[in-house]
Amino acid sequence: MNILIVGASGATGRLLVKDLLDRGEKVTAVVRSTEKLSAVLHDKNLKVVEAPVLELSDNTMAELVRDCDAVVSCLGHNVTLKGMYGKPRRLVTDAVRRLCAAIAVNKPQRPVKFILMNTSGNQNRDLNEPLVSAEKIAISLLRALVPPVTDNIQAAEYLRTQIGQHHPFIEWTAVRPDGLIDEDSVSPYEIHPSPIRSAVLNPGKVSRINVARFMAELICDNDTWKRWKGQMPLIYSRETANN
C-alpha cells in the first residue's frame, strides 16, 4: 500500500510510520524536520518530504496523494505559547481541507482512506453524545481560550459535514484518543463509538503506541476499516476502559 502521513515526526506520527514500515508498507512522510525520524530514515519503503504542510502548493499536494491508498493526519499544535496562539491557527483544519481537495482532483478509481487523529474532547454530532452542564462550560472555555481545541473540532466537522458518508473519492474516520501517555510497547486497548467516560471531568489514558497501532489496523485491515469508516471511534487502554 501507499500511505501519506502528515505530522509524521510528531509523538504519535513517528510511531505510526514505524508500525507501517514494519508491515512492509510504503510510506511518504511530510515533516518539518527529519531529526525525529532518524531511526527509520534509511528504510527503503520510506520517502520523506521536508516542508511545512501548508506551504506545499496545490499541485505538489495533488502529486503526493496520487496513487495513495490512505492519507493520515497526525498534525497537532506545539504545546508552547507560539504553537498554541501563533499562526497557523487552523493548521489541522486547513491541512485536512487541502488534502481532501487534492485527493478529489485526482479522481481515484477507488476511495482513499482518510484518517484524522483527533481528540476525545470532541463530540460526534452524528450520534447522541450529550454533555452535562459542567462539560459544556469547560469545552466552551477551552474553545474560547485555546485555539487548537477549535482547530481540532473544525477539522473533524469538515470530514463529517463536507466529505460526509457518500463521497465518491474519500472515506474517512476520526480517531479520538483519550489522555495520551508514552509506553514502549503495544498493550490491550478498546475501541468504542462514543465516550464511556467524560473526557473533561473523568479522563482516562491511552498510549500513543496503541493509537498508532489502531490507525495502522484501520489502514491495513479491511474489516477494521469497514467497522469504523465514517465514524469517530474513541480508543482507551483496557485498564482505563474497565475502571
C-alpha atoms as a PDB file:
ATOM      1  CA  MET A   1       0.000   0.000   0.000  1.00  0.00           C
ATOM      2  CA  ASN A   2       0.987   3.638  -0.462  1.00  0.00           C
ATOM      3  CA  ILE A   3       0.339   5.837   2.568  1.00  0.00           C
ATOM      4  CA  LEU A   4       0.880   9.565   3.063  1.00  0.00           C
ATOM      5  CA  ILE A   5       1.302  10.817   6.633  1.00  0.00           C
ATOM      6  CA  VAL A   6       1.389  14.489   7.580  1.00  0.00           C
ATOM      7  CA  GLY A   7       2.622  15.301  11.055  1.00  0.00           C
ATOM      8  CA  ALA A   8       4.778  12.205  10.695  1.00  0.00           C
ATOM      9  CA  SER A   9       7.519  13.354  13.062  1.00  0.00           C
ATOM     10  CA  GLY A  10       5.153  14.007  15.962  1.00  0.00           C
ATOM     11  CA  ALA A  11       4.976  11.829  19.060  1.00  0.00           C
ATOM     12  CA  THR A  12       2.281   9.577  17.571  1.00  0.00           C
ATOM     13  CA  GLY A  13       3.022  10.107  13.888  1.00  0.00           C
ATOM     14  CA  ARG A  14       6.514   8.649  14.040  1.00  0.00           C
ATOM     15  CA  LEU A  15       5.175   5.560  15.843  1.00  0.00           C
ATOM     16  CA  LEU A  16       2.650   5.094  13.042  1.00  0.00           C
ATOM     17  CA  VAL A  17       5.401   5.464  10.428  1.00  0.00           C
ATOM     18  CA  LYS A  18       7.434   2.725  12.123  1.00  0.00           C
ATOM     19  CA  ASP A  19       4.427   0.418  12.532  1.00  0.00           C
ATOM     20  CA  LEU A  20       3.584   0.682   8.831  1.00  0.00           C
ATOM     21  CA  LEU A  21       7.187   0.234   7.700  1.00  0.00           C
ATOM     22  CA  ASP A  22       7.471  -2.851   9.914  1.00  0.00           C
ATOM     23  CA  ARG A  23       4.500  -4.242   7.963  1.00  0.00           C
ATOM     24  CA  GLY A  24       6.292  -3.613   4.664  1.00  0.00           C
ATOM     25  CA  GLU A  25       4.036  -0.744   3.570  1.00  0.00           C
ATOM     26  CA  LYS A  26       5.274   2.230   1.529  1.00  0.00           C
ATOM     27  CA  VAL A  27       5.116   5.491   3.456  1.00  0.00           C
ATOM     28  CA  THR A  28       5.568   9.103   2.394  1.00  0.00           C
ATOM     29  CA  ALA A  29       6.151  11.295   5.445  1.00  0.00           C
ATOM     30  CA  VAL A  30       5.684  15.058   5.395  1.00  0.00           C
ATOM     31  CA  VAL A  31       7.718  16.642   8.196  1.00  0.00           C
ATOM     32  CA  ARG A  32       9.238  19.974   9.158  1.00  0.00           C
ATOM     33  CA  SER A  33      12.454  18.198  10.167  1.00  0.00           C
ATOM     34  CA  THR A  34      13.776  14.663   9.689  1.00  0.00           C
ATOM     35  CA  GLU A  35      15.509  14.623  13.073  1.00  0.00           C
ATOM     36  CA  LYS A  36      12.822  12.655  14.896  1.00  0.00           C
ATOM     37  CA  LEU A  37      12.599  10.059  12.108  1.00  0.00           C
ATOM     38  CA  SER A  38      16.288   9.182  12.296  1.00  0.00           C
ATOM     39  CA  ALA A  39      15.562   5.582  13.361  1.00  0.00           C
ATOM     40  CA  VAL A  40      13.758   4.802  10.077  1.00  0.00           C
ATOM     41  CA  LEU A  41      15.268   7.270   7.592  1.00  0.00           C
ATOM     42  CA  HIS A  42      17.169   4.562   5.719  1.00  0.00           C
ATOM     43  CA  ASP A  43      14.182   2.266   5.249  1.00  0.00           C
ATOM     44  CA  LYS A  44      13.779   1.606   1.520  1.00  0.00           C
ATOM     45  CA  ASN A  45       9.980   1.999   1.789  1.00  0.00           C
ATOM     46  CA  LEU A  46      10.128   5.491   3.303  1.00  0.00           C
ATOM     47  CA  LYS A  47      10.039   8.723   1.312  1.00  0.00           C
ATOM     48  CA  VAL A  48      10.405  11.975   3.251  1.00  0.00           C
ATOM     49  CA  VAL A  49       9.182  15.403   2.189  1.00  0.00           C
ATOM     50  CA  GLU A  50      10.743  18.050   4.419  1.00  0.00           C
ATOM     51  CA  ALA A  51       8.415  21.071   4.404  1.00  0.00           C
ATOM     52  CA  PRO A  52       5.598  22.672   6.429  1.00  0.00           C
ATOM     53  CA  VAL A  53       2.486  21.011   5.039  1.00  0.00           C
ATOM     54  CA  LEU A  54       0.555  24.244   4.468  1.00  0.00           C
ATOM     55  CA  GLU A  55       3.437  25.675   2.419  1.00  0.00           C
ATOM     56  CA  LEU A  56       3.090  22.911  -0.176  1.00  0.00           C
ATOM     57  CA  SER A  57       1.457  24.052  -3.404  1.00  0.00           C
ATOM     58  CA  ASP A  58      -1.842  22.571  -4.548  1.00  0.00           C
ATOM     59  CA  ASN A  59      -0.023  20.813  -7.394  1.00  0.00           C
ATOM     60  CA  THR A  60       2.525  19.300  -5.003  1.00  0.00           C
ATOM     61  CA  MET A  61      -0.239  18.072  -2.718  1.00  0.00           C
ATOM     62  CA  ALA A  62      -2.050  16.507  -5.645  1.00  0.00           C
ATOM     63  CA  GLU A  63       1.125  14.672  -6.634  1.00  0.00           C
ATOM     64  CA  LEU A  64       1.747  13.494  -3.079  1.00  0.00           C
ATOM     65  CA  VAL A  65      -1.711  11.936  -2.731  1.00  0.00           C
ATOM     66  CA  ARG A  66      -1.748  10.467  -6.239  1.00  0.00           C
ATOM     67  CA  ASP A  67      -1.919   6.664  -6.065  1.00  0.00           C
ATOM     68  CA  CYS A  68      -2.229   6.750  -2.267  1.00  0.00           C
ATOM     69  CA  ASP A  69      -4.415   4.146  -0.610  1.00  0.00           C
ATOM     70  CA  ALA A  70      -4.555   6.130   2.626  1.00  0.00           C
ATOM     71  CA  VAL A  71      -3.804   9.616   3.914  1.00  0.00           C
ATOM     72  CA  VAL A  72      -3.287  10.227   7.627  1.00  0.00           C
ATOM     73  CA  SER A  73      -3.151  13.489   9.560  1.00  0.00           C
ATOM     74  CA  CYS A  74      -1.282  13.295  12.858  1.00  0.00           C
ATOM     75  CA  LEU A  75      -0.880  17.060  12.884  1.00  0.00           C
ATOM     76  CA  GLY A  76      -1.039  18.994  16.110  1.00  0.00           C
ATOM     77  CA  HIS A  77      -0.025  22.328  17.575  1.00  0.00           C
ATOM     78  CA  ASN A  78       3.151  22.539  19.646  1.00  0.00           C
ATOM     79  CA  VAL A  79       2.424  22.999  23.339  1.00  0.00           C
ATOM     80  CA  THR A  80       4.146  26.384  23.514  1.00  0.00           C
ATOM     81  CA  LEU A  81       2.734  29.907  23.537  1.00  0.00           C
ATOM     82  CA  LYS A  82       3.727  30.365  19.900  1.00  0.00           C
ATOM     83  CA  GLY A  83       2.428  26.928  18.928  1.00  0.00           C
ATOM     84  CA  MET A  84      -0.922  27.427  20.615  1.00  0.00           C
ATOM     85  CA  TYR A  85      -1.584  31.107  19.919  1.00  0.00           C
ATOM     86  CA  GLY A  86       0.530  31.886  16.876  1.00  0.00           C
ATOM     87  CA  LYS A  87      -0.074  31.146  13.217  1.00  0.00           C
ATOM     88  CA  PRO A  88      -1.284  28.971  11.612  1.00  0.00           C
ATOM     89  CA  ARG A  89      -4.367  28.930  13.837  1.00  0.00           C
ATOM     90  CA  ARG A  90      -6.155  26.432  11.544  1.00  0.00           C
ATOM     91  CA  LEU A  91      -3.229  24.113  10.866  1.00  0.00           C
ATOM     92  CA  VAL A  92      -5.185  20.875  11.149  1.00  0.00           C
ATOM     93  CA  THR A  93      -8.400  22.084   9.517  1.00  0.00           C
ATOM     94  CA  ASP A  94      -6.670  23.709   6.556  1.00  0.00           C
ATOM     95  CA  ALA A  95      -4.419  20.688   6.009  1.00  0.00           C
ATOM     96  CA  VAL A  96      -7.407  18.313   6.050  1.00  0.00           C
ATOM     97  CA  ARG A  97      -9.357  20.530   3.672  1.00  0.00           C
ATOM     98  CA  ARG A  98      -6.471  20.883   1.204  1.00  0.00           C
ATOM     99  CA  LEU A  99      -5.532  17.190   1.307  1.00  0.00           C
ATOM    100  CA  CYS A 100      -9.124  16.185   0.630  1.00  0.00           C
ATOM    101  CA  ALA A 101      -9.283  18.643  -2.272  1.00  0.00           C
ATOM    102  CA  ALA A 102      -6.057  17.147  -3.659  1.00  0.00           C
ATOM    103  CA  ILE A 103      -7.490  13.641  -3.466  1.00  0.00           C
ATOM    104  CA  ALA A 104     -10.653  14.759  -5.265  1.00  0.00           C
ATOM    105  CA  VAL A 105      -8.650  16.432  -8.055  1.00  0.00           C
ATOM    106  CA  ASN A 106      -7.027  13.081  -8.853  1.00  0.00           C
ATOM    107  CA  LYS A 107     -10.387  11.267  -9.047  1.00  0.00           C
ATOM    108  CA  PRO A 108      -9.002   7.937  -7.780  1.00  0.00           C
ATOM    109  CA  GLN A 109     -10.610   4.751  -9.054  1.00  0.00           C
ATOM    110  CA  ARG A 110     -11.467   3.669  -5.516  1.00  0.00           C
ATOM    111  CA  PRO A 111     -11.987   5.822  -2.406  1.00  0.00           C
ATOM    112  CA  VAL A 112      -8.895   6.835  -0.455  1.00  0.00           C
ATOM    113  CA  LYS A 113      -8.944   6.213   3.297  1.00  0.00           C
ATOM    114  CA  PHE A 114      -8.509   9.463   5.236  1.00  0.00           C
ATOM    115  CA  ILE A 115      -7.648   9.103   8.923  1.00  0.00           C
ATOM    116  CA  LEU A 116      -7.625  12.099  11.230  1.00  0.00           C
ATOM    117  CA  MET A 117      -6.071  11.883  14.672  1.00  0.00           C
ATOM    118  CA  ASN A 118      -8.480  13.961  16.736  1.00  0.00           C
ATOM    119  CA  THR A 119      -9.369  14.250  20.427  1.00  0.00           C
ATOM    120  CA  SER A 120     -11.715  12.626  22.936  1.00  0.00           C
ATOM    121  CA  GLY A 121     -12.896  16.115  23.921  1.00  0.00           C
ATOM    122  CA  ASN A 122     -14.707  16.422  20.587  1.00  0.00           C
ATOM    123  CA  GLN A 123     -18.266  15.220  20.016  1.00  0.00           C
ATOM    124  CA  ASN A 124     -19.541  13.132  17.121  1.00  0.00           C
ATOM    125  CA  ARG A 125     -22.636  15.134  16.277  1.00  0.00           C
ATOM    126  CA  ASP A 126     -23.982  12.280  14.159  1.00  0.00           C
ATOM    127  CA  LEU A 127     -24.608  10.430  17.418  1.00  0.00           C
ATOM    128  CA  ASN A 128     -26.348  11.282  20.640  1.00  0.00           C
ATOM    129  CA  GLU A 129     -23.366  12.238  22.773  1.00  0.00           C
ATOM    130  CA  PRO A 130     -24.875  14.578  25.376  1.00  0.00           C
ATOM    131  CA  LEU A 131     -22.761  16.682  27.711  1.00  0.00           C
ATOM    132  CA  VAL A 132     -23.562  17.651  31.275  1.00  0.00           C
ATOM    133  CA  SER A 133     -23.556  21.358  32.115  1.00  0.00           C
ATOM    134  CA  ALA A 134     -20.056  21.307  33.603  1.00  0.00           C
ATOM    135  CA  GLU A 135     -18.665  19.717  30.441  1.00  0.00           C
ATOM    136  CA  LYS A 136     -20.396  22.275  28.213  1.00  0.00           C
ATOM    137  CA  ILE A 137     -18.941  25.142  30.229  1.00  0.00           C
ATOM    138  CA  ALA A 138     -15.427  23.630  30.235  1.00  0.00           C
ATOM    139  CA  ILE A 139     -15.448  22.941  26.488  1.00  0.00           C
ATOM    140  CA  SER A 140     -16.797  26.420  25.720  1.00  0.00           C
ATOM    141  CA  LEU A 141     -13.974  27.950  27.749  1.00  0.00           C
ATOM    142  CA  LEU A 142     -11.382  25.776  26.042  1.00  0.00           C
ATOM    143  CA  ARG A 143     -12.696  26.708  22.592  1.00  0.00           C
ATOM    144  CA  ALA A 144     -12.567  30.393  23.515  1.00  0.00           C
ATOM    145  CA  LEU A 145      -9.164  30.349  25.194  1.00  0.00           C
ATOM    146  CA  VAL A 146      -7.202  27.592  23.425  1.00  0.00           C
ATOM    147  CA  PRO A 147      -7.284  27.908  19.601  1.00  0.00           C
ATOM    148  CA  PRO A 148      -6.014  24.338  18.905  1.00  0.00           C
ATOM    149  CA  VAL A 149      -9.181  22.951  20.525  1.00  0.00           C
ATOM    150  CA  THR A 150     -11.344  24.763  17.962  1.00  0.00           C
ATOM    151  CA  ASP A 151      -8.988  23.715  15.161  1.00  0.00           C
ATOM    152  CA  ASN A 152      -9.325  20.027  16.041  1.00  0.00           C
ATOM    153  CA  ILE A 153     -13.108  20.282  16.299  1.00  0.00           C
ATOM    154  CA  GLN A 154     -13.399  22.066  12.957  1.00  0.00           C
ATOM    155  CA  ALA A 155     -11.157  19.521  11.224  1.00  0.00           C
ATOM    156  CA  ALA A 156     -13.410  16.643  12.262  1.00  0.00           C
ATOM    157  CA  GLU A 157     -16.503  18.667  11.370  1.00  0.00           C
ATOM    158  CA  TYR A 158     -15.118  19.203   7.868  1.00  0.00           C
ATOM    159  CA  LEU A 159     -14.886  15.451   7.356  1.00  0.00           C
ATOM    160  CA  ARG A 160     -18.277  14.813   8.933  1.00  0.00           C
ATOM    161  CA  THR A 161     -20.232  17.515   7.083  1.00  0.00           C
ATOM    162  CA  GLN A 162     -18.303  18.315   3.884  1.00  0.00           C
ATOM    163  CA  ILE A 163     -16.971  14.869   2.980  1.00  0.00           C
ATOM    164  CA  GLY A 164     -19.815  13.008   4.637  1.00  0.00           C
ATOM    165  CA  GLN A 165     -20.766   9.376   4.205  1.00  0.00           C
ATOM    166  CA  HIS A 166     -21.069   9.111   0.418  1.00  0.00           C
ATOM    167  CA  HIS A 167     -18.135  10.970  -1.114  1.00  0.00           C
ATOM    168  CA  PRO A 168     -17.049   9.340  -4.392  1.00  0.00           C
ATOM    169  CA  PHE A 169     -13.308   9.617  -3.708  1.00  0.00           C
ATOM    170  CA  ILE A 170     -12.835   9.738   0.080  1.00  0.00           C
ATOM    171  CA  GLU A 171     -13.784   7.585   3.048  1.00  0.00           C
ATOM    172  CA  TRP A 172     -12.761   8.804   6.492  1.00  0.00           C
ATOM    173  CA  THR A 173     -12.521   8.165  10.188  1.00  0.00           C
ATOM    174  CA  ALA A 174     -11.540  10.496  13.029  1.00  0.00           C
ATOM    175  CA  VAL A 175      -9.760   8.664  15.831  1.00  0.00           C
ATOM    176  CA  ARG A 176     -10.427  10.163  19.272  1.00  0.00           C
ATOM    177  CA  PRO A 177      -7.789   9.050  21.780  1.00  0.00           C
ATOM    178  CA  ASP A 178      -8.240   9.647  25.481  1.00  0.00           C
ATOM    179  CA  GLY A 179      -5.431  11.242  27.514  1.00  0.00           C
ATOM    180  CA  LEU A 180      -2.197  10.351  25.727  1.00  0.00           C
ATOM    181  CA  ILE A 181       0.764   8.780  27.505  1.00  0.00           C
ATOM    182  CA  ASP A 182       4.038   7.220  26.355  1.00  0.00           C
ATOM    183  CA  GLU A 183       4.671   3.481  26.577  1.00  0.00           C
ATOM    184  CA  ASP A 184       7.304   1.298  24.930  1.00  0.00           C
ATOM    185  CA  SER A 185       5.057  -1.422  23.555  1.00  0.00           C
ATOM    186  CA  VAL A 186       1.505  -2.083  22.438  1.00  0.00           C
ATOM    187  CA  SER A 187      -0.854  -3.105  25.239  1.00  0.00           C
ATOM    188  CA  PRO A 188      -4.532  -4.167  25.290  1.00  0.00           C
ATOM    189  CA  TYR A 189      -6.904  -1.411  24.230  1.00  0.00           C
ATOM    190  CA  GLU A 190     -10.594  -0.986  23.455  1.00  0.00           C
ATOM    191  CA  ILE A 191     -12.447   0.932  20.748  1.00  0.00           C
ATOM    192  CA  HIS A 192     -15.874   2.481  21.360  1.00  0.00           C
ATOM    193  CA  PRO A 193     -18.130   4.510  19.036  1.00  0.00           C
ATOM    194  CA  SER A 194     -18.886   7.064  21.779  1.00  0.00           C
ATOM    195  CA  PRO A 195     -17.312   8.096  25.098  1.00  0.00           C
ATOM    196  CA  ILE A 196     -17.575   5.717  28.028  1.00  0.00           C
ATOM    197  CA  ARG A 197     -16.281   8.384  30.429  1.00  0.00           C
ATOM    198  CA  SER A 198     -16.029  12.161  30.435  1.00  0.00           C
ATOM    199  CA  ALA A 199     -13.007  13.445  28.558  1.00  0.00           C
ATOM    200  CA  VAL A 200     -13.212  16.647  30.618  1.00  0.00           C
ATOM    201  CA  LEU A 201     -14.338  15.557  34.087  1.00  0.00           C
ATOM    202  CA  ASN A 202     -13.038  11.984  34.227  1.00  0.00           C
ATOM    203  CA  PRO A 203     -10.406  11.433  31.533  1.00  0.00           C
ATOM    204  CA  GLY A 204      -8.660   8.108  31.092  1.00  0.00           C
ATOM    205  CA  LYS A 205      -5.385   7.258  29.399  1.00  0.00           C
ATOM    206  CA  VAL A 206      -4.176   5.524  26.276  1.00  0.00           C
ATOM    207  CA  SER A 207      -0.644   5.131  24.956  1.00  0.00           C
ATOM    208  CA  ARG A 208       0.460   6.778  21.739  1.00  0.00           C
ATOM    209  CA  ILE A 209       1.805   3.453  20.513  1.00  0.00           C
ATOM    210  CA  ASN A 210      -1.682   1.941  20.909  1.00  0.00           C
ATOM    211  CA  VAL A 211      -3.196   4.811  18.928  1.00  0.00           C
ATOM    212  CA  ALA A 212      -0.599   4.264  16.205  1.00  0.00           C
ATOM    213  CA  ARG A 213      -1.405   0.545  16.154  1.00  0.00           C
ATOM    214  CA  PHE A 214      -5.147   1.184  15.786  1.00  0.00           C
ATOM    215  CA  MET A 215      -4.574   3.625  12.927  1.00  0.00           C
ATOM    216  CA  ALA A 216      -2.297   1.102  11.223  1.00  0.00           C
ATOM    217  CA  GLU A 217      -5.044  -1.508  11.582  1.00  0.00           C
ATOM    218  CA  LEU A 218      -7.552   0.895  10.028  1.00  0.00           C
ATOM    219  CA  ILE A 219      -5.237   1.266   7.052  1.00  0.00           C
ATOM    220  CA  CYS A 220      -4.209  -2.353   6.607  1.00  0.00           C
ATOM    221  CA  ASP A 221      -7.195  -4.404   7.785  1.00  0.00           C
ATOM    222  CA  ASN A 222     -10.332  -4.071   5.673  1.00  0.00           C
ATOM    223  CA  ASP A 223     -12.641  -5.450   8.354  1.00  0.00           C
ATOM    224  CA  THR A 224     -11.405  -2.857  10.843  1.00  0.00           C
ATOM    225  CA  TRP A 225     -11.913  -0.134   8.257  1.00  0.00           C
ATOM    226  CA  LYS A 226     -15.424  -1.264   7.366  1.00  0.00           C
ATOM    227  CA  ARG A 227     -16.320  -1.250  11.066  1.00  0.00           C
ATOM    228  CA  TRP A 228     -15.192   2.317  11.705  1.00  0.00           C
ATOM    229  CA  LYS A 229     -15.317   4.283   8.436  1.00  0.00           C
ATOM    230  CA  GLY A 230     -17.450   7.407   8.620  1.00  0.00           C
ATOM    231  CA  GLN A 231     -17.249   7.328  12.423  1.00  0.00           C
ATOM    232  CA  MET A 232     -15.269   8.916  15.236  1.00  0.00           C
ATOM    233  CA  PRO A 233     -14.107   5.984  17.387  1.00  0.00           C
ATOM    234  CA  LEU A 234     -12.633   6.501  20.831  1.00  0.00           C
ATOM    235  CA  ILE A 235      -9.639   4.487  21.942  1.00  0.00           C
ATOM    236  CA  TYR A 236      -8.949   3.658  25.600  1.00  0.00           C
ATOM    237  CA  SER A 237      -6.409   1.478  27.308  1.00  0.00           C
ATOM    238  CA  ARG A 238      -8.221  -1.600  28.562  1.00  0.00           C
ATOM    239  CA  GLU A 239      -7.313  -0.764  32.148  1.00  0.00           C
ATOM    240  CA  THR A 240      -8.880   2.698  31.755  1.00  0.00           C
ATOM    241  CA  ALA A 241     -11.951   1.329  29.998  1.00  0.00           C
ATOM    242  CA  ASN A 242     -12.634  -1.095  32.816  1.00  0.00           C
ATOM    243  CA  ASN A 243     -12.209   1.442  35.650  1.00  0.00           C
END
